[in-house]
PDB file of N, CA and C in Angstrom:
ATOM      1  N   MET A   1     -21.949  24.212 -23.818  1.00  0.00           N
ATOM      2  CA  MET A   1     -21.222  23.302 -22.951  1.00  0.00           C
ATOM      3  C   MET A   1     -22.246  22.471 -22.182  1.00  0.00           C
ATOM      4  N   ASN A   2     -22.145  21.175 -22.329  1.00  0.00           N
ATOM      5  CA  ASN A   2     -23.128  20.309 -21.678  1.00  0.00           C
ATOM      6  C   ASN A   2     -22.568  19.714 -20.384  1.00  0.00           C
ATOM      7  N   VAL A   3     -23.381  18.905 -19.753  1.00  0.00           N
ATOM      8  CA  VAL A   3     -23.029  18.341 -18.455  1.00  0.00           C
ATOM      9  C   VAL A   3     -21.812  17.419 -18.565  1.00  0.00           C
ATOM     10  N   ALA A   4     -21.687  16.680 -19.640  1.00  0.00           N
ATOM     11  CA  ALA A   4     -20.561  15.755 -19.804  1.00  0.00           C
ATOM     12  C   ALA A   4     -19.237  16.511 -19.918  1.00  0.00           C
ATOM     13  N   GLU A   5     -19.250  17.641 -20.605  1.00  0.00           N
ATOM     14  CA  GLU A   5     -18.022  18.434 -20.738  1.00  0.00           C
ATOM     15  C   GLU A   5     -17.621  19.048 -19.404  1.00  0.00           C
ATOM     16  N   VAL A   6     -18.603  19.519 -18.646  1.00  0.00           N
ATOM     17  CA  VAL A   6     -18.311  20.076 -17.321  1.00  0.00           C
ATOM     18  C   VAL A   6     -17.766  18.987 -16.403  1.00  0.00           C
ATOM     19  N   GLY A   7     -18.364  17.817 -16.458  1.00  0.00           N
ATOM     20  CA  GLY A   7     -17.867  16.690 -15.659  1.00  0.00           C
ATOM     21  C   GLY A   7     -16.453  16.310 -16.040  1.00  0.00           C
ATOM     22  N   GLY A   8     -16.153  16.339 -17.333  1.00  0.00           N
ATOM     23  CA  GLY A   8     -14.793  16.048 -17.783  1.00  0.00           C
ATOM     24  C   GLY A   8     -13.791  17.071 -17.291  1.00  0.00           C
ATOM     25  N   LEU A   9     -14.190  18.352 -17.304  1.00  0.00           N
ATOM     26  CA  LEU A   9     -13.291  19.397 -16.803  1.00  0.00           C
ATOM     27  C   LEU A   9     -13.065  19.273 -15.295  1.00  0.00           C
ATOM     28  N   LEU A  10     -14.114  18.914 -14.563  1.00  0.00           N
ATOM     29  CA  LEU A  10     -13.953  18.711 -13.115  1.00  0.00           C
ATOM     30  C   LEU A  10     -13.050  17.519 -12.820  1.00  0.00           C
ATOM     31  N   ARG A  11     -13.206  16.455 -13.610  1.00  0.00           N
ATOM     32  CA  ARG A  11     -12.336  15.292 -13.436  1.00  0.00           C
ATOM     33  C   ARG A  11     -10.884  15.669 -13.730  1.00  0.00           C
ATOM     34  N   ASP A  12     -10.672  16.436 -14.802  1.00  0.00           N
ATOM     35  CA  ASP A  12      -9.324  16.878 -15.136  1.00  0.00           C
ATOM     36  C   ASP A  12      -8.741  17.770 -14.039  1.00  0.00           C
ATOM     37  N   ALA A  13      -9.585  18.606 -13.443  1.00  0.00           N
ATOM     38  CA  ALA A  13      -9.118  19.469 -12.351  1.00  0.00           C
ATOM     39  C   ALA A  13      -8.685  18.644 -11.146  1.00  0.00           C
ATOM     40  N   LEU A  14      -9.423  17.586 -10.840  1.00  0.00           N
ATOM     41  CA  LEU A  14      -9.044  16.721  -9.722  1.00  0.00           C
ATOM     42  C   LEU A  14      -7.754  15.967 -10.017  1.00  0.00           C
ATOM     43  N   VAL A  15      -7.574  15.540 -11.261  1.00  0.00           N
ATOM     44  CA  VAL A  15      -6.336  14.853 -11.638  1.00  0.00           C
ATOM     45  C   VAL A  15      -5.150  15.803 -11.526  1.00  0.00           C
ATOM     46  N   VAL A  16      -5.332  17.042 -11.950  1.00  0.00           N
ATOM     47  CA  VAL A  16      -4.254  18.032 -11.831  1.00  0.00           C
ATOM     48  C   VAL A  16      -3.937  18.293 -10.356  1.00  0.00           C
ATOM     49  N   ALA A  17      -4.959  18.397  -9.523  1.00  0.00           N
ATOM     50  CA  ALA A  17      -4.733  18.603  -8.093  1.00  0.00           C
ATOM     51  C   ALA A  17      -3.959  17.438  -7.483  1.00  0.00           C
ATOM     52  N   LEU A  18      -4.266  16.219  -7.903  1.00  0.00           N
ATOM     53  CA  LEU A  18      -3.527  15.052  -7.409  1.00  0.00           C
ATOM     54  C   LEU A  18      -2.085  15.049  -7.911  1.00  0.00           C
ATOM     55  N   LYS A  19      -1.891  15.451  -9.173  1.00  0.00           N
ATOM     56  CA  LYS A  19      -0.535  15.507  -9.715  1.00  0.00           C
ATOM     57  C   LYS A  19       0.310  16.553  -9.007  1.00  0.00           C
ATOM     58  N   LEU A  20      -0.304  17.666  -8.609  1.00  0.00           N
ATOM     59  CA  LEU A  20       0.444  18.726  -7.958  1.00  0.00           C
ATOM     60  C   LEU A  20       0.661  18.453  -6.467  1.00  0.00           C
ATOM     61  N   GLY A  21      -0.351  17.968  -5.795  1.00  0.00           N
ATOM     62  CA  GLY A  21      -0.257  17.786  -4.356  1.00  0.00           C
ATOM     63  C   GLY A  21       0.190  16.410  -3.909  1.00  0.00           C
ATOM     64  N   GLY A  22      -0.046  15.407  -4.738  1.00  0.00           N
ATOM     65  CA  GLY A  22       0.262  14.030  -4.353  1.00  0.00           C
ATOM     66  C   GLY A  22       1.711  13.768  -4.006  1.00  0.00           C
ATOM     67  N   PRO A  23       2.655  14.155  -4.873  1.00  0.00           N
ATOM     68  CA  PRO A  23       4.059  13.901  -4.535  1.00  0.00           C
ATOM     69  C   PRO A  23       4.511  14.618  -3.266  1.00  0.00           C
ATOM     70  N   LEU A  24       4.045  15.848  -3.076  1.00  0.00           N
ATOM     71  CA  LEU A  24       4.431  16.582  -1.869  1.00  0.00           C
ATOM     72  C   LEU A  24       3.868  15.929  -0.617  1.00  0.00           C
ATOM     73  N   LEU A  25       2.617  15.494  -0.694  1.00  0.00           N
ATOM     74  CA  LEU A  25       2.021  14.823   0.465  1.00  0.00           C
ATOM     75  C   LEU A  25       2.690  13.484   0.749  1.00  0.00           C
ATOM     76  N   ALA A  26       3.026  12.741  -0.293  1.00  0.00           N
ATOM     77  CA  ALA A  26       3.675  11.439  -0.104  1.00  0.00           C
ATOM     78  C   ALA A  26       5.059  11.597   0.508  1.00  0.00           C
ATOM     79  N   VAL A  27       5.824  12.550   0.015  1.00  0.00           N
ATOM     80  CA  VAL A  27       7.166  12.775   0.569  1.00  0.00           C
ATOM     81  C   VAL A  27       7.068  13.240   2.014  1.00  0.00           C
ATOM     82  N   SER A  28       6.129  14.126   2.292  1.00  0.00           N
ATOM     83  CA  SER A  28       5.952  14.603   3.659  1.00  0.00           C
ATOM     84  C   SER A  28       5.547  13.461   4.597  1.00  0.00           C
ATOM     85  N   LEU A  29       4.694  12.582   4.113  1.00  0.00           N
ATOM     86  CA  LEU A  29       4.275  11.429   4.908  1.00  0.00           C
ATOM     87  C   LEU A  29       5.453  10.506   5.207  1.00  0.00           C
ATOM     88  N   LEU A  30       6.250  10.219   4.196  1.00  0.00           N
ATOM     89  CA  LEU A  30       7.390   9.323   4.397  1.00  0.00           C
ATOM     90  C   LEU A  30       8.421   9.915   5.351  1.00  0.00           C
ATOM     91  N   VAL A  31       8.727  11.195   5.197  1.00  0.00           N
ATOM     92  CA  VAL A  31       9.701  11.834   6.089  1.00  0.00           C
ATOM     93  C   VAL A  31       9.151  11.892   7.505  1.00  0.00           C
ATOM     94  N   GLY A  32       7.877  12.223   7.648  1.00  0.00           N
ATOM     95  CA  GLY A  32       7.265  12.259   8.976  1.00  0.00           C
ATOM     96  C   GLY A  32       7.282  10.894   9.645  1.00  0.00           C
ATOM     97  N   LEU A  33       7.009   9.854   8.870  1.00  0.00           N
ATOM     98  CA  LEU A  33       7.038   8.500   9.424  1.00  0.00           C
ATOM     99  C   LEU A  33       8.449   8.108   9.858  1.00  0.00           C
ATOM    100  N   LEU A  34       9.427   8.422   9.023  1.00  0.00           N
ATOM    101  CA  LEU A  34      10.817   8.115   9.359  1.00  0.00           C
ATOM    102  C   LEU A  34      11.263   8.857  10.614  1.00  0.00           C
ATOM    103  N   ILE A  35      10.921  10.122  10.715  1.00  0.00           N
ATOM    104  CA  ILE A  35      11.310  10.901  11.893  1.00  0.00           C
ATOM    105  C   ILE A  35      10.578  10.411  13.133  1.00  0.00           C
ATOM    106  N   SER A  36       9.323   9.999  12.992  1.00  0.00           N
ATOM    107  CA  SER A  36       8.584   9.460  14.139  1.00  0.00           C
ATOM    108  C   SER A  36       9.216   8.179  14.658  1.00  0.00           C
ATOM    109  N   VAL A  37       9.678   7.338  13.728  1.00  0.00           N
ATOM    110  CA  VAL A  37      10.353   6.105  14.157  1.00  0.00           C
ATOM    111  C   VAL A  37      11.649   6.444  14.891  1.00  0.00           C
ATOM    112  N   VAL A  38      12.409   7.377  14.370  1.00  0.00           N
ATOM    113  CA  VAL A  38      13.657   7.787  15.031  1.00  0.00           C
ATOM    114  C   VAL A  38      13.363   8.384  16.398  1.00  0.00           C
ATOM    115  N   GLN A  39      12.326   9.197  16.508  1.00  0.00           N
ATOM    116  CA  GLN A  39      11.973   9.782  17.806  1.00  0.00           C
ATOM    117  C   GLN A  39      11.497   8.708  18.794  1.00  0.00           C
ATOM    118  N   ALA A  40      10.781   7.713  18.295  1.00  0.00           N
ATOM    119  CA  ALA A  40      10.310   6.650  19.191  1.00  0.00           C
ATOM    120  C   ALA A  40      11.476   5.798  19.688  1.00  0.00           C
ATOM    121  N   VAL A  41      12.451   5.547  18.798  1.00  0.00           N
ATOM    122  CA  VAL A  41      13.591   4.721  19.189  1.00  0.00           C
ATOM    123  C   VAL A  41      14.483   5.463  20.179  1.00  0.00           C
ATOM    124  N   THR A  42      14.715   6.749  19.905  1.00  0.00           N
ATOM    125  CA  THR A  42      15.621   7.519  20.766  1.00  0.00           C
ATOM    126  C   THR A  42      14.903   8.201  21.922  1.00  0.00           C
ATOM    127  N   GLN A  43      13.595   8.158  21.947  1.00  0.00           N
ATOM    128  CA  GLN A  43      12.760   8.782  22.974  1.00  0.00           C
ATOM    129  C   GLN A  43      13.014  10.286  23.079  1.00  0.00           C
ATOM    130  N   ILE A  44      13.237  10.909  21.941  1.00  0.00           N
ATOM    131  CA  ILE A  44      13.384  12.368  21.882  1.00  0.00           C
ATOM    132  C   ILE A  44      12.075  12.922  21.351  1.00  0.00           C
ATOM    133  N   ASN A  45      11.415  13.751  22.138  1.00  0.00           N
ATOM    134  CA  ASN A  45      10.148  14.343  21.720  1.00  0.00           C
ATOM    135  C   ASN A  45      10.342  15.844  21.547  1.00  0.00           C
ATOM    136  N   GLU A  46      10.793  16.214  20.394  1.00  0.00           N
ATOM    137  CA  GLU A  46      11.027  17.617  20.068  1.00  0.00           C
ATOM    138  C   GLU A  46      10.277  17.937  18.790  1.00  0.00           C
ATOM    139  N   ALA A  47       9.423  18.965  18.824  1.00  0.00           N
ATOM    140  CA  ALA A  47       8.588  19.300  17.668  1.00  0.00           C
ATOM    141  C   ALA A  47       9.420  19.804  16.501  1.00  0.00           C
ATOM    142  N   THR A  48      10.468  20.565  16.786  1.00  0.00           N
ATOM    143  CA  THR A  48      11.282  21.113  15.694  1.00  0.00           C
ATOM    144  C   THR A  48      12.062  20.019  14.989  1.00  0.00           C
ATOM    145  N   LEU A  49      12.314  18.914  15.678  1.00  0.00           N
ATOM    146  CA  LEU A  49      13.023  17.803  15.049  1.00  0.00           C
ATOM    147  C   LEU A  49      12.196  17.206  13.905  1.00  0.00           C
ATOM    148  N   ALA A  50      10.892  17.301  13.989  1.00  0.00           N
ATOM    149  CA  ALA A  50      10.039  16.802  12.918  1.00  0.00           C
ATOM    150  C   ALA A  50       9.782  17.876  11.861  1.00  0.00           C
ATOM    151  N   PHE A  51       9.746  19.131  12.263  1.00  0.00           N
ATOM    152  CA  PHE A  51       9.368  20.198  11.350  1.00  0.00           C
ATOM    153  C   PHE A  51      10.478  20.574  10.375  1.00  0.00           C
ATOM    154  N   VAL A  52      11.669  20.752  10.855  1.00  0.00           N
ATOM    155  CA  VAL A  52      12.773  21.241  10.012  1.00  0.00           C
ATOM    156  C   VAL A  52      13.139  20.250   8.902  1.00  0.00           C
ATOM    157  N   PRO A  53      13.314  18.969   9.171  1.00  0.00           N
ATOM    158  CA  PRO A  53      13.617  18.053   8.061  1.00  0.00           C
ATOM    159  C   PRO A  53      12.498  17.966   7.029  1.00  0.00           C
ATOM    160  N   LYS A  54      11.251  17.999   7.494  1.00  0.00           N
ATOM    161  CA  LYS A  54      10.132  17.990   6.545  1.00  0.00           C
ATOM    162  C   LYS A  54      10.180  19.218   5.648  1.00  0.00           C
ATOM    163  N   LEU A  55      10.457  20.359   6.233  1.00  0.00           N
ATOM    164  CA  LEU A  55      10.535  21.593   5.471  1.00  0.00           C
ATOM    165  C   LEU A  55      11.651  21.530   4.436  1.00  0.00           C
ATOM    166  N   LEU A  56      12.799  21.017   4.822  1.00  0.00           N
ATOM    167  CA  LEU A  56      13.922  20.919   3.891  1.00  0.00           C
ATOM    168  C   LEU A  56      13.649  19.922   2.767  1.00  0.00           C
ATOM    169  N   VAL A  57      13.072  18.784   3.108  1.00  0.00           N
ATOM    170  CA  VAL A  57      12.776  17.776   2.086  1.00  0.00           C
ATOM    171  C   VAL A  57      11.679  18.271   1.142  1.00  0.00           C
ATOM    172  N   LEU A  58      10.674  18.962   1.673  1.00  0.00           N
ATOM    173  CA  LEU A  58       9.632  19.504   0.806  1.00  0.00           C
ATOM    174  C   LEU A  58      10.187  20.577  -0.125  1.00  0.00           C
ATOM    175  N   ALA A  59      11.101  21.401   0.373  1.00  0.00           N
ATOM    176  CA  ALA A  59      11.726  22.411  -0.486  1.00  0.00           C
ATOM    177  C   ALA A  59      12.524  21.736  -1.599  1.00  0.00           C
ATOM    178  N   GLY A  60      13.248  20.679  -1.278  1.00  0.00           N
ATOM    179  CA  GLY A  60      13.981  19.939  -2.290  1.00  0.00           C
ATOM    180  C   GLY A  60      13.062  19.275  -3.299  1.00  0.00           C
ATOM    181  N   THR A  61      11.940  18.763  -2.833  1.00  0.00           N
ATOM    182  CA  THR A  61      10.977  18.133  -3.726  1.00  0.00           C
ATOM    183  C   THR A  61      10.369  19.155  -4.684  1.00  0.00           C
ATOM    184  N   VAL A  62      10.071  20.338  -4.172  1.00  0.00           N
ATOM    185  CA  VAL A  62       9.528  21.390  -5.037  1.00  0.00           C
ATOM    186  C   VAL A  62      10.564  21.812  -6.073  1.00  0.00           C
ATOM    187  N   VAL A  63      11.828  21.872  -5.678  1.00  0.00           N
ATOM    188  CA  VAL A  63      12.879  22.231  -6.640  1.00  0.00           C
ATOM    189  C   VAL A  63      12.994  21.159  -7.722  1.00  0.00           C
ATOM    190  N   LEU A  64      12.943  19.897  -7.331  1.00  0.00           N
ATOM    191  CA  LEU A  64      13.073  18.816  -8.308  1.00  0.00           C
ATOM    192  C   LEU A  64      11.836  18.663  -9.198  1.00  0.00           C
ATOM    193  N   LEU A  65      10.657  18.772  -8.608  1.00  0.00           N
ATOM    194  CA  LEU A  65       9.425  18.548  -9.355  1.00  0.00           C
ATOM    195  C   LEU A  65       8.768  19.831  -9.842  1.00  0.00           C
ATOM    196  N   GLY A  66       9.390  20.964  -9.575  1.00  0.00           N
ATOM    197  CA  GLY A  66       8.818  22.246  -9.977  1.00  0.00           C
ATOM    198  C   GLY A  66       8.516  22.354 -11.464  1.00  0.00           C
ATOM    199  N   PRO A  67       9.460  21.991 -12.338  1.00  0.00           N
ATOM    200  CA  PRO A  67       9.158  22.081 -13.775  1.00  0.00           C
ATOM    201  C   PRO A  67       7.974  21.204 -14.204  1.00  0.00           C
ATOM    202  N   PHE A  68       7.886  20.003 -13.652  1.00  0.00           N
ATOM    203  CA  PHE A  68       6.745  19.129 -13.967  1.00  0.00           C
ATOM    204  C   PHE A  68       5.442  19.744 -13.472  1.00  0.00           C
ATOM    205  N   MET A  69       5.456  20.271 -12.257  1.00  0.00           N
ATOM    206  CA  MET A  69       4.254  20.862 -11.691  1.00  0.00           C
ATOM    207  C   MET A  69       3.829  22.095 -12.484  1.00  0.00           C
ATOM    208  N   LEU A  70       4.794  22.911 -12.868  1.00  0.00           N
ATOM    209  CA  LEU A  70       4.487  24.105 -13.646  1.00  0.00           C
ATOM    210  C   LEU A  70       3.929  23.741 -15.018  1.00  0.00           C
ATOM    211  N   ALA A  71       4.513  22.739 -15.658  1.00  0.00           N
ATOM    212  CA  ALA A  71       4.024  22.312 -16.973  1.00  0.00           C
ATOM    213  C   ALA A  71       2.612  21.745 -16.870  1.00  0.00           C
ATOM    214  N   THR A  72       2.336  20.994 -15.834  1.00  0.00           N
ATOM    215  CA  THR A  72       0.998  20.435 -15.636  1.00  0.00           C
ATOM    216  C   THR A  72      -0.029  21.540 -15.438  1.00  0.00           C
ATOM    217  N   LEU A  73       0.297  22.492 -14.579  1.00  0.00           N
ATOM    218  CA  LEU A  73      -0.624  23.587 -14.310  1.00  0.00           C
ATOM    219  C   LEU A  73      -0.785  24.476 -15.534  1.00  0.00           C
ATOM    220  N   ASP A  74       0.290  24.704 -16.266  1.00  0.00           N
ATOM    221  CA  ASP A  74       0.231  25.523 -17.474  1.00  0.00           C
ATOM    222  C   ASP A  74      -0.656  24.864 -18.533  1.00  0.00           C
ATOM    223  N   GLY A  75      -0.503  23.574 -18.727  1.00  0.00           N
ATOM    224  CA  GLY A  75      -1.318  22.863 -19.709  1.00  0.00           C
ATOM    225  C   GLY A  75      -2.798  22.912 -19.354  1.00  0.00           C
ATOM    226  N   PHE A  76      -3.105  22.743 -18.076  1.00  0.00           N
ATOM    227  CA  PHE A  76      -4.505  22.774 -17.665  1.00  0.00           C
ATOM    228  C   PHE A  76      -5.085  24.174 -17.799  1.00  0.00           C
ATOM    229  N   ALA A  77      -4.297  25.196 -17.436  1.00  0.00           N
ATOM    230  CA  ALA A  77      -4.781  26.574 -17.568  1.00  0.00           C
ATOM    231  C   ALA A  77      -5.028  26.920 -19.036  1.00  0.00           C
ATOM    232  N   ARG A  78      -4.123  26.487 -19.911  1.00  0.00           N
ATOM    233  CA  ARG A  78      -4.315  26.746 -21.339  1.00  0.00           C
ATOM    234  C   ARG A  78      -5.574  26.039 -21.859  1.00  0.00           C
ATOM    235  N   LEU A  79      -5.814  24.830 -21.390  1.00  0.00           N
ATOM    236  CA  LEU A  79      -7.022  24.108 -21.776  1.00  0.00           C
ATOM    237  C   LEU A  79      -8.273  24.862 -21.331  1.00  0.00           C
ATOM    238  N   LEU A  80      -8.265  25.336 -20.084  1.00  0.00           N
ATOM    239  CA  LEU A  80      -9.429  26.069 -19.580  1.00  0.00           C
ATOM    240  C   LEU A  80      -9.650  27.366 -20.347  1.00  0.00           C
ATOM    241  N   PHE A  81      -8.573  28.111 -20.613  1.00  0.00           N
ATOM    242  CA  PHE A  81      -8.724  29.368 -21.343  1.00  0.00           C
ATOM    243  C   PHE A  81      -9.196  29.119 -22.777  1.00  0.00           C
ATOM    244  N   ALA A  82      -8.717  28.053 -23.395  1.00  0.00           N
ATOM    245  CA  ALA A  82      -9.189  27.714 -24.739  1.00  0.00           C
ATOM    246  C   ALA A  82     -10.676  27.377 -24.723  1.00  0.00           C
ATOM    247  N   ARG A  83     -11.120  26.679 -23.678  1.00  0.00           N
ATOM    248  CA  ARG A  83     -12.544  26.343 -23.572  1.00  0.00           C
ATOM    249  C   ARG A  83     -13.385  27.597 -23.340  1.00  0.00           C
ATOM    250  N   ILE A  84     -12.868  28.536 -22.547  1.00  0.00           N
ATOM    251  CA  ILE A  84     -13.589  29.786 -22.303  1.00  0.00           C
ATOM    252  C   ILE A  84     -13.738  30.571 -23.594  1.00  0.00           C
ATOM    253  N   VAL A  85     -12.655  30.634 -24.363  1.00  0.00           N
ATOM    254  CA  VAL A  85     -12.705  31.342 -25.643  1.00  0.00           C
ATOM    255  C   VAL A  85     -13.674  30.659 -26.597  1.00  0.00           C
ATOM    256  N   ALA A  86     -13.665  29.333 -26.607  1.00  0.00           N
ATOM    257  CA  ALA A  86     -14.581  28.601 -27.479  1.00  0.00           C
ATOM    258  C   ALA A  86     -16.035  28.842 -27.099  1.00  0.00           C
ATOM    259  N   ILE A  87     -16.314  28.912 -25.825  1.00  0.00           N
ATOM    260  CA  ILE A  87     -17.684  29.159 -25.375  1.00  0.00           C
ATOM    261  C   ILE A  87     -18.092  30.585 -25.734  1.00  0.00           C
ATOM    262  N   GLY A  88     -17.187  31.533 -25.540  1.00  0.00           N
ATOM    263  CA  GLY A  88     -17.504  32.926 -25.852  1.00  0.00           C
ATOM    264  C   GLY A  88     -17.653  33.162 -27.342  1.00  0.00           C
ATOM    265  N   GLY A  89     -16.965  32.381 -28.169  1.00  0.00           N
ATOM    266  CA  GLY A  89     -17.033  32.571 -29.614  1.00  0.00           C
ATOM    267  C   GLY A  89     -18.271  31.970 -30.239  1.00  0.00           C
ATOM    268  N   SER A  90     -18.932  31.064 -29.530  1.00  0.00           N
ATOM    269  CA  SER A  90     -20.086  30.390 -30.136  1.00  0.00           C
ATOM    270  C   SER A  90     -21.389  31.094 -29.862  1.00  0.00           C
TER     271      SER A  90
END
């Protein structure tokens, strides 16, 4: 295994991390921004008002995107295990 292959695997790992974490972070950001605007307009400063909706929306996002996230992680894990076997066999 040379430096280019290791670099490719690291790049793939970063892409998988973005695929898994990106949608959750984006949804959390949008919900947080929306709740902050509502709190600024109504002048209600309650921490639980921001936490509970974010938690519910993130749970819904995980339910909707769970199969995609699992398939992405499964494909990457299979790729890594295949590479480990290939290195051990040579």
